[in-house]
């Protein structure tokens, strides 16, 4: 039996990825919230993948079960999302590492992201273990975290 596999995202993956994100444990955001709060639609996300972002997709038996996207010009990790059954198995670390490699190759010495300000959220500890530290900035109830890589 073949297990989960990682591949580079293509714009055609956006619809399935965004639908999967709505089923995550702690950062579930549906299409309506993405559009209304963040201005993200499937069309704008696909265009970003074509022009400025790079993402990696975790698939299991043909289904999207996780993904991570980085913005090459800014050094931002735009999203890291996994379904609950794939948490705690190293997939998030692997996906984030691939995005880090792309952003480092773009010349970024600091990589950053937005994460929940709630210390009880699992991602808080995950990002701290990955070297991310608070910058003091906040937006939409999230805090900005940065990781020095260069």
Protein backbone atom coordinates (compact mmCIF):
# COMPACT_ATOMS: atom_id res chain seq x y z
CA UNK A 1 0.00 0.00 0.00
CA UNK A 2 1.33 3.42 -0.96
CA UNK A 3 1.15 6.09 1.72
CA UNK A 4 0.90 9.86 1.53
CA UNK A 5 3.12 11.68 -0.97
CA UNK A 6 4.22 15.28 -1.39
CA UNK A 7 4.33 17.10 -4.70
CA UNK A 8 4.53 20.68 -5.89
CA UNK A 9 1.16 22.43 -6.10
CA UNK A 10 -0.31 23.64 -9.37
CA UNK A 11 -3.13 26.17 -9.76
CA UNK A 12 -5.59 23.35 -10.44
CA UNK A 13 -5.02 22.14 -6.85
CA UNK A 14 -6.45 25.29 -5.28
CA UNK A 15 -10.13 24.30 -5.12
CA UNK A 16 -9.42 20.96 -3.38
CA UNK A 17 -6.84 22.58 -1.09
CA UNK A 18 -9.17 25.34 0.06
CA UNK A 19 -11.95 22.82 0.67
CA UNK A 20 -9.53 20.72 2.74
CA UNK A 21 -8.49 23.76 4.78
CA UNK A 22 -12.07 24.16 5.97
CA UNK A 23 -11.77 20.70 7.60
CA UNK A 24 -8.59 21.32 9.64
CA UNK A 25 -8.63 21.19 13.42
CA UNK A 26 -7.40 24.64 14.46
CA UNK A 27 -7.13 26.85 11.39
CA UNK A 28 -10.32 25.88 9.61
CA UNK A 29 -11.28 28.72 7.31
CA UNK A 30 -14.02 28.22 4.75
CA UNK A 31 -14.27 29.91 1.36
CA UNK A 32 -16.66 32.58 2.61
CA UNK A 33 -14.33 33.67 5.42
CA UNK A 34 -11.30 33.58 3.12
CA UNK A 35 -13.11 35.91 0.72
CA UNK A 36 -14.70 38.25 3.26
CA UNK A 37 -11.87 38.58 5.79
CA UNK A 38 -8.74 38.00 3.70
CA UNK A 39 -9.86 38.82 0.15
CA UNK A 40 -8.84 35.36 -1.07
CA UNK A 41 -10.88 33.50 -3.67
CA UNK A 42 -10.02 30.32 -5.58
CA UNK A 43 -9.25 32.52 -8.57
CA UNK A 44 -6.86 34.86 -6.72
CA UNK A 45 -5.17 31.90 -5.00
CA UNK A 46 -4.65 30.13 -8.34
CA UNK A 47 -3.24 33.32 -9.86
CA UNK A 48 -0.86 33.73 -6.92
CA UNK A 49 0.43 30.18 -7.48
CA UNK A 50 0.99 30.99 -11.14
CA UNK A 51 2.88 34.21 -10.46
CA UNK A 52 4.39 34.66 -6.98
CA UNK A 53 3.75 31.74 -4.68
CA UNK A 54 5.08 28.21 -4.41
CA UNK A 55 3.24 25.46 -2.62
CA UNK A 56 3.59 21.81 -1.76
CA UNK A 57 0.70 19.40 -1.45
CA UNK A 58 0.34 16.27 0.67
CA UNK A 59 -1.93 13.71 -0.98
CA UNK A 60 -3.15 10.37 0.27
CA UNK A 61 -4.99 8.02 -2.11
CA UNK A 62 -5.67 10.94 -4.46
CA UNK A 63 -7.12 13.24 -1.78
CA UNK A 64 -5.55 16.48 -0.55
CA UNK A 65 -4.70 16.02 3.14
CA UNK A 66 -2.28 18.91 3.65
CA UNK A 67 -0.49 21.78 1.98
CA UNK A 68 1.90 24.65 2.59
CA UNK A 69 2.37 27.79 0.47
CA UNK A 70 5.06 30.46 0.57
CA UNK A 71 5.14 33.90 -1.05
CA UNK A 72 8.47 34.24 -2.89
CA UNK A 73 8.70 38.07 -3.03
CA UNK A 74 7.88 38.67 0.65
CA UNK A 75 9.20 35.57 2.44
CA UNK A 76 5.81 34.87 4.03
CA UNK A 77 4.55 31.38 4.75
CA UNK A 78 1.00 32.03 3.61
CA UNK A 79 -0.55 28.84 4.96
CA UNK A 80 0.30 25.46 6.44
CA UNK A 81 -2.72 23.19 6.83
CA UNK A 82 -3.12 19.49 7.61
CA UNK A 83 -6.11 17.31 8.28
CA UNK A 84 -6.19 16.03 11.89
CA UNK A 85 -5.28 12.44 10.97
CA UNK A 86 -1.97 13.67 9.51
CA UNK A 87 -0.90 15.88 12.43
CA UNK A 88 1.96 14.80 14.67
CA UNK A 89 3.52 12.58 12.01
CA UNK A 90 6.15 14.98 10.62
CA UNK A 91 4.20 16.03 7.53
CA UNK A 92 3.79 19.65 8.63
CA UNK A 93 7.51 19.93 9.38
CA UNK A 94 8.32 18.45 5.98
CA UNK A 95 5.94 20.72 4.06
CA UNK A 96 7.18 23.80 5.92
CA UNK A 97 10.78 22.76 5.27
CA UNK A 98 10.15 22.60 1.53
CA UNK A 99 8.64 26.08 1.55
CA UNK A 100 11.59 27.33 3.62
CA UNK A 101 13.96 25.97 0.96
CA UNK A 102 12.15 27.91 -1.77
CA UNK A 103 12.10 31.15 0.25
CA UNK A 104 15.77 30.81 1.22
CA UNK A 105 16.64 30.26 -2.45
CA UNK A 106 14.81 33.55 -3.16
CA UNK A 107 17.28 35.26 -0.83
CA UNK A 108 15.19 35.64 2.32
CA UNK A 109 17.11 35.58 5.57
CA UNK A 110 13.95 35.87 7.65
CA UNK A 111 10.77 33.94 6.94
CA UNK A 112 7.54 35.00 8.58
CA UNK A 113 3.90 34.03 9.01
CA UNK A 114 0.70 34.88 10.83
CA UNK A 115 -0.51 32.48 13.53
CA UNK A 116 -3.12 32.37 16.25
CA UNK A 117 -2.36 34.51 19.29
CA UNK A 118 -3.87 31.79 21.51
CA UNK A 119 -1.03 29.91 23.27
CA UNK A 120 -3.33 26.87 23.66
CA UNK A 121 -3.39 26.37 19.88
CA UNK A 122 -1.11 23.50 18.83
CA UNK A 123 0.48 25.56 16.05
CA UNK A 124 1.98 27.93 18.64
CA UNK A 125 4.25 25.21 20.00
CA UNK A 126 4.95 23.81 16.55
CA UNK A 127 6.15 27.13 15.19
CA UNK A 128 8.21 27.81 18.32
CA UNK A 129 9.96 24.45 17.85
CA UNK A 130 10.61 25.41 14.23
CA UNK A 131 12.39 28.59 15.38
CA UNK A 132 9.60 31.15 14.93
CA UNK A 133 9.39 34.01 17.45
CA UNK A 134 6.78 36.78 17.91
CA UNK A 135 7.60 40.10 16.24
CA UNK A 136 5.12 42.15 18.27
CA UNK A 137 2.78 42.75 15.31
CA UNK A 138 -0.82 41.51 15.22
CA UNK A 139 -3.72 41.51 12.74
CA UNK A 140 -7.16 39.81 12.58
CA UNK A 141 -6.45 38.30 16.02
CA UNK A 142 -3.24 36.67 14.77
CA UNK A 143 0.36 37.43 15.70
CA UNK A 144 3.24 37.75 13.30
CA UNK A 145 6.02 35.22 13.86
CA UNK A 146 9.44 35.30 12.21
CA UNK A 147 12.21 32.75 11.81
CA UNK A 148 15.79 33.75 11.03
CA UNK A 149 17.14 31.36 8.40
CA UNK A 150 20.19 33.14 6.99
